[in-house]
Full PDB file with SEQRES, HELIX, SHEET, SSBOND, CRYST1, ORIGX, SCALE, CONECT and MASTER records, all heavy atoms in Angstrom:
SEQRES   1 A   32  VAL ILE PHE ALA ASN LEU ALA GLU ALA VAL ALA GLU GLY          
SEQRES   2 A   32  ARG GLY LYS ALA GLN ALA GLU SER LEU ARG LYS ALA ARG          
SEQRES   3 A   32  THR ASP THR VAL ALA LEU                                      
HELIX    1 AA1 ILE A    2  ARG A   23  1                                  22    
CRYST1    1.000    1.000    1.000  90.00  90.00  90.00 P 1           1          
ORIGX1      1.000000  0.000000  0.000000        0.00000                         
ORIGX2      0.000000  1.000000  0.000000        0.00000                         
ORIGX3      0.000000  0.000000  1.000000        0.00000                         
SCALE1      1.000000  0.000000  0.000000        0.00000                         
SCALE2      0.000000  1.000000  0.000000        0.00000                         
SCALE3      0.000000  0.000000  1.000000        0.00000                         
ATOM      1  N   VAL A   1     -28.123 -52.798   9.317  1.00  0.00           N  
ATOM      2  CA  VAL A   1     -26.670 -52.987   9.361  1.00  0.00           C  
ATOM      3  C   VAL A   1     -26.132 -52.711  10.763  1.00  0.00           C  
ATOM      4  O   VAL A   1     -25.297 -53.453  11.289  1.00  0.00           O  
ATOM      5  CB  VAL A   1     -25.972 -52.075   8.333  1.00  0.00           C  
ATOM      6  CG1 VAL A   1     -24.473 -52.331   8.329  1.00  0.00           C  
ATOM      7  CG2 VAL A   1     -26.540 -52.292   6.948  1.00  0.00           C  
ATOM      8  N   ILE A   2     -26.621 -51.641  11.388  1.00  0.00           N  
ATOM      9  CA  ILE A   2     -26.140 -51.293  12.732  1.00  0.00           C  
ATOM     10  C   ILE A   2     -26.520 -52.379  13.740  1.00  0.00           C  
ATOM     11  O   ILE A   2     -25.710 -52.765  14.597  1.00  0.00           O  
ATOM     12  CB  ILE A   2     -26.704 -49.922  13.155  1.00  0.00           C  
ATOM     13  CG1 ILE A   2     -26.076 -48.819  12.299  1.00  0.00           C  
ATOM     14  CG2 ILE A   2     -26.437 -49.660  14.639  1.00  0.00           C  
ATOM     15  CD1 ILE A   2     -26.651 -47.439  12.540  1.00  0.00           C  
ATOM     16  N   PHE A   3     -27.750 -52.888  13.647  1.00  0.00           N  
ATOM     17  CA  PHE A   3     -28.175 -53.944  14.574  1.00  0.00           C  
ATOM     18  C   PHE A   3     -27.326 -55.203  14.383  1.00  0.00           C  
ATOM     19  O   PHE A   3     -27.002 -55.898  15.347  1.00  0.00           O  
ATOM     20  CB  PHE A   3     -29.651 -54.275  14.362  1.00  0.00           C  
ATOM     21  CG  PHE A   3     -30.590 -53.190  14.824  1.00  0.00           C  
ATOM     22  CD1 PHE A   3     -31.912 -53.151  14.398  1.00  0.00           C  
ATOM     23  CD2 PHE A   3     -30.149 -52.195  15.682  1.00  0.00           C  
ATOM     24  CE1 PHE A   3     -32.772 -52.152  14.818  1.00  0.00           C  
ATOM     25  CE2 PHE A   3     -31.004 -51.188  16.112  1.00  0.00           C  
ATOM     26  CZ  PHE A   3     -32.319 -51.169  15.673  1.00  0.00           C  
ATOM     27  N   ALA A   4     -26.975 -55.504  13.126  1.00  0.00           N  
ATOM     28  CA  ALA A   4     -26.102 -56.654  12.872  1.00  0.00           C  
ATOM     29  C   ALA A   4     -24.734 -56.420  13.502  1.00  0.00           C  
ATOM     30  O   ALA A   4     -24.161 -57.324  14.128  1.00  0.00           O  
ATOM     31  CB  ALA A   4     -25.972 -56.891  11.370  1.00  0.00           C  
ATOM     32  N   ASN A   5     -24.202 -55.213  13.340  1.00  0.00           N  
ATOM     33  CA  ASN A   5     -22.927 -54.885  13.978  1.00  0.00           C  
ATOM     34  C   ASN A   5     -23.046 -54.893  15.495  1.00  0.00           C  
ATOM     35  O   ASN A   5     -22.090 -55.219  16.209  1.00  0.00           O  
ATOM     36  CB  ASN A   5     -22.453 -53.502  13.518  1.00  0.00           C  
ATOM     37  CG  ASN A   5     -22.034 -53.484  12.063  1.00  0.00           C  
ATOM     38  OD1 ASN A   5     -21.714 -54.522  11.487  1.00  0.00           O  
ATOM     39  ND2 ASN A   5     -22.039 -52.299  11.455  1.00  0.00           N  
ATOM     40  N   LEU A   6     -24.235 -54.522  15.986  1.00  0.00           N  
ATOM     41  CA  LEU A   6     -24.455 -54.480  17.428  1.00  0.00           C  
ATOM     42  C   LEU A   6     -24.346 -55.876  18.039  1.00  0.00           C  
ATOM     43  O   LEU A   6     -23.809 -56.043  19.141  1.00  0.00           O  
ATOM     44  CB  LEU A   6     -25.828 -53.878  17.731  1.00  0.00           C  
ATOM     45  CG  LEU A   6     -26.147 -53.585  19.198  1.00  0.00           C  
ATOM     46  CD1 LEU A   6     -25.179 -52.551  19.759  1.00  0.00           C  
ATOM     47  CD2 LEU A   6     -27.588 -53.102  19.339  1.00  0.00           C  
ATOM     48  N   ALA A   7     -24.833 -56.888  17.315  1.00  0.00           N  
ATOM     49  CA  ALA A   7     -24.733 -58.258  17.821  1.00  0.00           C  
ATOM     50  C   ALA A   7     -23.278 -58.643  18.039  1.00  0.00           C  
ATOM     51  O   ALA A   7     -22.903 -59.205  19.082  1.00  0.00           O  
ATOM     52  CB  ALA A   7     -25.402 -59.227  16.832  1.00  0.00           C  
ATOM     53  N   GLU A   8     -22.432 -58.326  17.062  1.00  0.00           N  
ATOM     54  CA  GLU A   8     -21.006 -58.636  17.190  1.00  0.00           C  
ATOM     55  C   GLU A   8     -20.358 -57.770  18.263  1.00  0.00           C  
ATOM     56  O   GLU A   8     -19.524 -58.244  19.032  1.00  0.00           O  
ATOM     57  CB  GLU A   8     -20.312 -58.432  15.846  1.00  0.00           C  
ATOM     58  CG  GLU A   8     -18.849 -58.841  15.846  1.00  0.00           C  
ATOM     59  CD  GLU A   8     -18.236 -58.750  14.468  1.00  0.00           C  
ATOM     60  OE1 GLU A   8     -18.860 -58.163  13.568  1.00  0.00           O  
ATOM     61  OE2 GLU A   8     -17.125 -59.269  14.277  1.00  0.00           O  
ATOM     62  N   ALA A   9     -20.749 -56.491  18.325  1.00  0.00           N  
ATOM     63  CA  ALA A   9     -20.161 -55.583  19.308  1.00  0.00           C  
ATOM     64  C   ALA A   9     -20.507 -56.000  20.737  1.00  0.00           C  
ATOM     65  O   ALA A   9     -19.666 -55.902  21.643  1.00  0.00           O  
ATOM     66  CB  ALA A   9     -20.648 -54.156  19.054  1.00  0.00           C  
ATOM     67  N   VAL A  10     -21.737 -56.465  20.962  1.00  0.00           N  
ATOM     68  CA  VAL A  10     -22.129 -56.922  22.305  1.00  0.00           C  
ATOM     69  C   VAL A  10     -21.320 -58.147  22.695  1.00  0.00           C  
ATOM     70  O   VAL A  10     -20.830 -58.266  23.826  1.00  0.00           O  
ATOM     71  CB  VAL A  10     -23.640 -57.227  22.354  1.00  0.00           C  
ATOM     72  CG1 VAL A  10     -24.003 -57.938  23.649  1.00  0.00           C  
ATOM     73  CG2 VAL A  10     -24.439 -55.941  22.236  1.00  0.00           C  
ATOM     74  N   ALA A  11     -21.169 -59.091  21.753  1.00  0.00           N  
ATOM     75  CA  ALA A  11     -20.381 -60.288  22.031  1.00  0.00           C  
ATOM     76  C   ALA A  11     -18.941 -59.921  22.363  1.00  0.00           C  
ATOM     77  O   ALA A  11     -18.349 -60.442  23.315  1.00  0.00           O  
ATOM     78  CB  ALA A  11     -20.430 -61.236  20.832  1.00  0.00           C  
ATOM     79  N   GLU A  12     -18.363 -59.010  21.580  1.00  0.00           N  
ATOM     80  CA  GLU A  12     -16.990 -58.584  21.847  1.00  0.00           C  
ATOM     81  C   GLU A  12     -16.905 -57.785  23.142  1.00  0.00           C  
ATOM     82  O   GLU A  12     -15.911 -57.878  23.873  1.00  0.00           O  
ATOM     83  CB  GLU A  12     -16.470 -57.747  20.678  1.00  0.00           C  
ATOM     84  CG  GLU A  12     -16.259 -58.550  19.402  1.00  0.00           C  
ATOM     85  CD  GLU A  12     -15.845 -57.675  18.236  1.00  0.00           C  
ATOM     86  OE1 GLU A  12     -15.904 -56.435  18.390  1.00  0.00           O  
ATOM     87  OE2 GLU A  12     -15.466 -58.224  17.192  1.00  0.00           O  
ATOM     88  N   GLY A  13     -17.953 -56.996  23.425  1.00  0.00           N  
ATOM     89  CA  GLY A  13     -17.957 -56.192  24.644  1.00  0.00           C  
ATOM     90  C   GLY A  13     -17.926 -57.048  25.893  1.00  0.00           C  
ATOM     91  O   GLY A  13     -17.261 -56.699  26.875  1.00  0.00           O  
ATOM     92  N   ARG A  14     -18.625 -58.169  25.864  1.00  0.00           N  
ATOM     93  CA  ARG A  14     -18.594 -59.080  27.014  1.00  0.00           C  
ATOM     94  C   ARG A  14     -17.184 -59.610  27.214  1.00  0.00           C  
ATOM     95  O   ARG A  14     -16.692 -59.736  28.333  1.00  0.00           O  
ATOM     96  CB  ARG A  14     -19.567 -60.232  26.785  1.00  0.00           C  
ATOM     97  CG  ARG A  14     -21.024 -59.809  26.695  1.00  0.00           C  
ATOM     98  CD  ARG A  14     -21.880 -60.918  26.136  1.00  0.00           C  
ATOM     99  NE  ARG A  14     -21.951 -62.037  27.042  1.00  0.00           N  
ATOM    100  CZ  ARG A  14     -22.332 -63.264  26.678  1.00  0.00           C  
ATOM    101  NH1 ARG A  14     -22.649 -63.505  25.430  1.00  0.00           N  
ATOM    102  NH2 ARG A  14     -22.393 -64.235  27.542  1.00  0.00           N  
ATOM    103  N   GLY A  15     -16.506 -59.916  26.095  1.00  0.00           N  
ATOM    104  CA  GLY A  15     -15.137 -60.400  26.191  1.00  0.00           C  
ATOM    105  C   GLY A  15     -14.193 -59.342  26.737  1.00  0.00           C  
ATOM    106  O   GLY A  15     -13.310 -59.636  27.542  1.00  0.00           O  
ATOM    107  N   LYS A  16     -14.392 -58.081  26.313  1.00  0.00           N  
ATOM    108  CA  LYS A  16     -13.519 -57.017  26.787  1.00  0.00           C  
ATOM    109  C   LYS A  16     -13.696 -56.782  28.284  1.00  0.00           C  
ATOM    110  O   LYS A  16     -12.746 -56.429  28.984  1.00  0.00           O  
ATOM    111  CB  LYS A  16     -13.800 -55.738  26.010  1.00  0.00           C  
ATOM    112  CG  LYS A  16     -13.311 -55.805  24.560  1.00  0.00           C  
ATOM    113  CD  LYS A  16     -13.695 -54.569  23.766  1.00  0.00           C  
ATOM    114  CE  LYS A  16     -13.209 -54.695  22.320  1.00  0.00           C  
ATOM    115  NZ  LYS A  16     -13.617 -53.545  21.492  1.00  0.00           N  
ATOM    116  N   ALA A  17     -14.917 -56.981  28.769  1.00  0.00           N  
ATOM    117  CA  ALA A  17     -15.146 -56.842  30.210  1.00  0.00           C  
ATOM    118  C   ALA A  17     -14.373 -57.911  30.969  1.00  0.00           C  
ATOM    119  O   ALA A  17     -13.801 -57.657  32.031  1.00  0.00           O  
ATOM    120  CB  ALA A  17     -16.645 -56.946  30.515  1.00  0.00           C  
ATOM    121  N   GLN A  18     -14.344 -59.126  30.414  1.00  0.00           N  
ATOM    122  CA  GLN A  18     -13.563 -60.187  31.041  1.00  0.00           C  
ATOM    123  C   GLN A  18     -12.078 -59.861  30.974  1.00  0.00           C  
ATOM    124  O   GLN A  18     -11.319 -60.129  31.905  1.00  0.00           O  
ATOM    125  CB  GLN A  18     -13.841 -61.519  30.353  1.00  0.00           C  
ATOM    126  CG  GLN A  18     -15.211 -62.081  30.659  1.00  0.00           C  
ATOM    127  CD  GLN A  18     -15.404 -63.430  29.996  1.00  0.00           C  
ATOM    128  OE1 GLN A  18     -14.904 -63.689  28.920  1.00  0.00           O  
ATOM    129  NE2 GLN A  18     -16.132 -64.303  30.649  1.00  0.00           N  
ATOM    130  N   ALA A  19     -11.639 -59.293  29.846  1.00  0.00           N  
ATOM    131  CA  ALA A  19     -10.226 -58.973  29.679  1.00  0.00           C  
ATOM    132  C   ALA A  19      -9.764 -57.976  30.729  1.00  0.00           C  
ATOM    133  O   ALA A  19      -8.642 -58.053  31.233  1.00  0.00           O  
ATOM    134  CB  ALA A  19      -9.974 -58.432  28.278  1.00  0.00           C  
ATOM    135  N   GLU A  20     -10.629 -57.030  31.081  1.00  0.00           N  
ATOM    136  CA  GLU A  20     -10.260 -56.045  32.087  1.00  0.00           C  
ATOM    137  C   GLU A  20      -9.993 -56.710  33.428  1.00  0.00           C  
ATOM    138  O   GLU A  20      -9.058 -56.359  34.146  1.00  0.00           O  
ATOM    139  CB  GLU A  20     -11.362 -54.991  32.228  1.00  0.00           C  
ATOM    140  CG  GLU A  20     -11.376 -53.964  31.110  1.00  0.00           C  
ATOM    141  CD  GLU A  20     -10.048 -53.244  30.979  1.00  0.00           C  
ATOM    142  OE1 GLU A  20      -9.496 -52.800  32.011  1.00  0.00           O  
ATOM    143  OE2 GLU A  20      -9.536 -53.143  29.848  1.00  0.00           O  
ATOM    144  N   SER A  21     -10.843 -57.677  33.779  1.00  0.00           N  
ATOM    145  CA  SER A  21     -10.639 -58.372  35.053  1.00  0.00           C  
ATOM    146  C   SER A  21      -9.361 -59.199  35.019  1.00  0.00           C  
ATOM    147  O   SER A  21      -8.680 -59.352  36.029  1.00  0.00           O  
ATOM    148  CB  SER A  21     -11.838 -59.269  35.369  1.00  0.00           C  
ATOM    149  OG  SER A  21     -11.925 -60.334  34.449  1.00  0.00           O  
ATOM    150  N   LEU A  22      -9.019 -59.742  33.837  1.00  0.00           N  
ATOM    151  CA  LEU A  22      -7.786 -60.511  33.722  1.00  0.00           C  
ATOM    152  C   LEU A  22      -6.558 -59.606  33.790  1.00  0.00           C  
ATOM    153  O   LEU A  22      -5.528 -59.981  34.334  1.00  0.00           O  
ATOM    154  CB  LEU A  22      -7.778 -61.289  32.405  1.00  0.00           C  
ATOM    155  CG  LEU A  22      -8.781 -62.438  32.303  1.00  0.00           C  
ATOM    156  CD1 LEU A  22      -8.796 -62.993  30.889  1.00  0.00           C  
ATOM    157  CD2 LEU A  22      -8.447 -63.531  33.292  1.00  0.00           C  
ATOM    158  N   ARG A  23      -6.676 -58.404  33.233  1.00  0.00           N  
ATOM    159  CA  ARG A  23      -5.538 -57.491  33.240  1.00  0.00           C  
ATOM    160  C   ARG A  23      -5.162 -57.064  34.664  1.00  0.00           C  
ATOM    161  O   ARG A  23      -4.019 -56.703  34.929  1.00  0.00           O  
ATOM    162  CB  ARG A  23      -5.856 -56.249  32.409  1.00  0.00           C  
ATOM    163  CG  ARG A  23      -5.717 -56.481  30.914  1.00  0.00           C  
ATOM    164  CD  ARG A  23      -5.646 -55.142  30.176  1.00  0.00           C  
ATOM    165  NE  ARG A  23      -5.456 -55.371  28.765  1.00  0.00           N  
ATOM    166  CZ  ARG A  23      -6.441 -55.451  27.871  1.00  0.00           C  
ATOM    167  NH1 ARG A  23      -7.694 -55.335  28.291  1.00  0.00           N  
ATOM    168  NH2 ARG A  23      -6.189 -55.663  26.609  1.00  0.00           N  
ATOM    169  N   LYS A  24      -6.142 -57.091  35.563  1.00  0.00           N  
ATOM    170  CA  LYS A  24      -5.842 -56.722  36.940  1.00  0.00           C  
ATOM    171  C   LYS A  24      -4.846 -57.688  37.570  1.00  0.00           C  
ATOM    172  O   LYS A  24      -4.176 -57.353  38.540  1.00  0.00           O  
ATOM    173  CB  LYS A  24      -7.133 -56.691  37.767  1.00  0.00           C  
ATOM    174  CG  LYS A  24      -8.070 -55.561  37.355  1.00  0.00           C  
ATOM    175  CD  LYS A  24      -9.350 -55.603  38.158  1.00  0.00           C  
ATOM    176  CE  LYS A  24     -10.310 -54.494  37.710  1.00  0.00           C  
ATOM    177  NZ  LYS A  24     -11.599 -54.537  38.452  1.00  0.00           N  
ATOM    178  N   ALA A  25      -4.795 -58.917  37.017  1.00  0.00           N  
ATOM    179  CA  ALA A  25      -3.851 -59.899  37.541  1.00  0.00           C  
ATOM    180  C   ALA A  25      -2.448 -59.659  37.007  1.00  0.00           C  
ATOM    181  O   ALA A  25      -1.492 -60.264  37.461  1.00  0.00           O  
ATOM    182  CB  ALA A  25      -4.304 -61.314  37.188  1.00  0.00           C  
ATOM    183  N   ARG A  26      -2.335 -58.788  35.990  1.00  0.00           N  
ATOM    184  CA  ARG A  26      -1.027 -58.497  35.402  1.00  0.00           C  
ATOM    185  C   ARG A  26      -0.537 -57.156  35.936  1.00  0.00           C  
ATOM    186  O   ARG A  26      -1.153 -56.126  35.737  1.00  0.00           O  
ATOM    187  CB  ARG A  26      -1.120 -58.446  33.878  1.00  0.00           C  
ATOM    188  CG  ARG A  26      -1.511 -59.743  33.280  1.00  0.00           C  
ATOM    189  CD  ARG A  26      -1.370 -59.772  31.779  1.00  0.00           C  
ATOM    190  NE  ARG A  26      -1.159 -58.464  31.182  1.00  0.00           N  
ATOM    191  CZ  ARG A  26      -0.874 -58.294  29.895  1.00  0.00           C  
ATOM    192  NH1 ARG A  26      -0.762 -59.332  29.115  1.00  0.00           N  
ATOM    193  NH2 ARG A  26      -0.708 -57.096  29.398  1.00  0.00           N  
ATOM    194  N   THR A  27       0.542 -57.167  36.626  1.00  0.00           N  
ATOM    195  CA  THR A  27       1.116 -55.939  37.160  1.00  0.00           C  
ATOM    196  C   THR A  27       2.552 -55.820  36.683  1.00  0.00           C  
ATOM    197  O   THR A  27       3.101 -56.727  36.077  1.00  0.00           O  
ATOM    198  CB  THR A  27       1.083 -55.957  38.702  1.00  0.00           C  
ATOM    199  OG1 THR A  27       1.848 -57.089  39.141  1.00  0.00           O  
ATOM    200  CG2 THR A  27      -0.332 -56.068  39.233  1.00  0.00           C  
ATOM    201  N   ASP A  28       3.136 -54.684  36.971  1.00  0.00           N  
ATOM    202  CA  ASP A  28       4.543 -54.480  36.615  1.00  0.00           C  
ATOM    203  C   ASP A  28       5.407 -55.250  37.610  1.00  0.00           C  
ATOM    204  O   ASP A  28       5.912 -54.696  38.598  1.00  0.00           O  
ATOM    205  CB  ASP A  28       4.893 -52.991  36.623  1.00  0.00           C  
ATOM    206  CG  ASP A  28       4.114 -52.230  35.562  1.00  0.00           C  
ATOM    207  OD1 ASP A  28       3.817 -52.840  34.526  1.00  0.00           O  
ATOM    208  OD2 ASP A  28       3.814 -51.049  35.793  1.00  0.00           O  
ATOM    209  N   THR A  29       5.540 -56.529  37.386  1.00  0.00           N  
ATOM    210  CA  THR A  29       6.231 -57.408  38.314  1.00  0.00           C  
ATOM    211  C   THR A  29       7.738 -57.337  38.113  1.00  0.00           C  
ATOM    212  O   THR A  29       8.232 -57.307  36.989  1.00  0.00           O  
ATOM    213  CB  THR A  29       5.764 -58.859  38.106  1.00  0.00           C  
ATOM    214  OG1 THR A  29       4.340 -58.886  38.178  1.00  0.00           O  
ATOM    215  CG2 THR A  29       6.348 -59.776  39.157  1.00  0.00           C  
ATOM    216  N   VAL A  30       8.460 -57.338  39.231  1.00  0.00           N  
ATOM    217  CA  VAL A  30       9.918 -57.428  39.193  1.00  0.00           C  
ATOM    218  C   VAL A  30      10.302 -58.857  39.520  1.00  0.00           C  
ATOM    219  O   VAL A  30       9.864 -59.415  40.526  1.00  0.00           O  
ATOM    220  CB  VAL A  30      10.565 -56.449  40.195  1.00  0.00           C  
ATOM    221  CG1 VAL A  30      12.077 -56.637  40.215  1.00  0.00           C  
ATOM    222  CG2 VAL A  30      10.211 -55.012  39.828  1.00  0.00           C  
ATOM    223  N   ALA A  31      11.093 -59.464  38.663  1.00  0.00           N  
ATOM    224  CA  ALA A  31      11.479 -60.858  38.839  1.00  0.00           C  
ATOM    225  C   ALA A  31      12.902 -60.947  39.365  1.00  0.00           C  
ATOM    226  O   ALA A  31      13.758 -60.118  39.040  1.00  0.00           O  
ATOM    227  CB  ALA A  31      11.365 -61.601  37.506  1.00  0.00           C  
ATOM    228  N   LEU A  32      13.153 -61.965  40.171  1.00  0.00           N  
ATOM    229  CA  LEU A  32      14.485 -62.220  40.707  1.00  0.00           C  
ATOM    230  C   LEU A  32      15.108 -63.342  39.873  1.00  0.00           C  
ATOM    231  O   LEU A  32      14.847 -64.528  40.097  1.00  0.00           O  
ATOM    232  CB  LEU A  32      14.390 -62.619  42.184  1.00  0.00           C  
ATOM    233  CG  LEU A  32      15.649 -62.401  43.028  1.00  0.00           C  
ATOM    234  CD1 LEU A  32      16.043 -60.929  43.029  1.00  0.00           C  
ATOM    235  CD2 LEU A  32      15.411 -62.876  44.450  1.00  0.00           C  
TER     236      LEU A  32                                                      
MASTER        0    0    0    1    0    0    0    6  235    1    0    3          
END                                                                             
């Protein structure tokens, strides 16, 4: 069961790593 969950967790983990790099592009921007 854990190994089956691990497959999904690894796939999601790769996505979360990408999300972190995308979040760096989002800052507390002030708009005019």
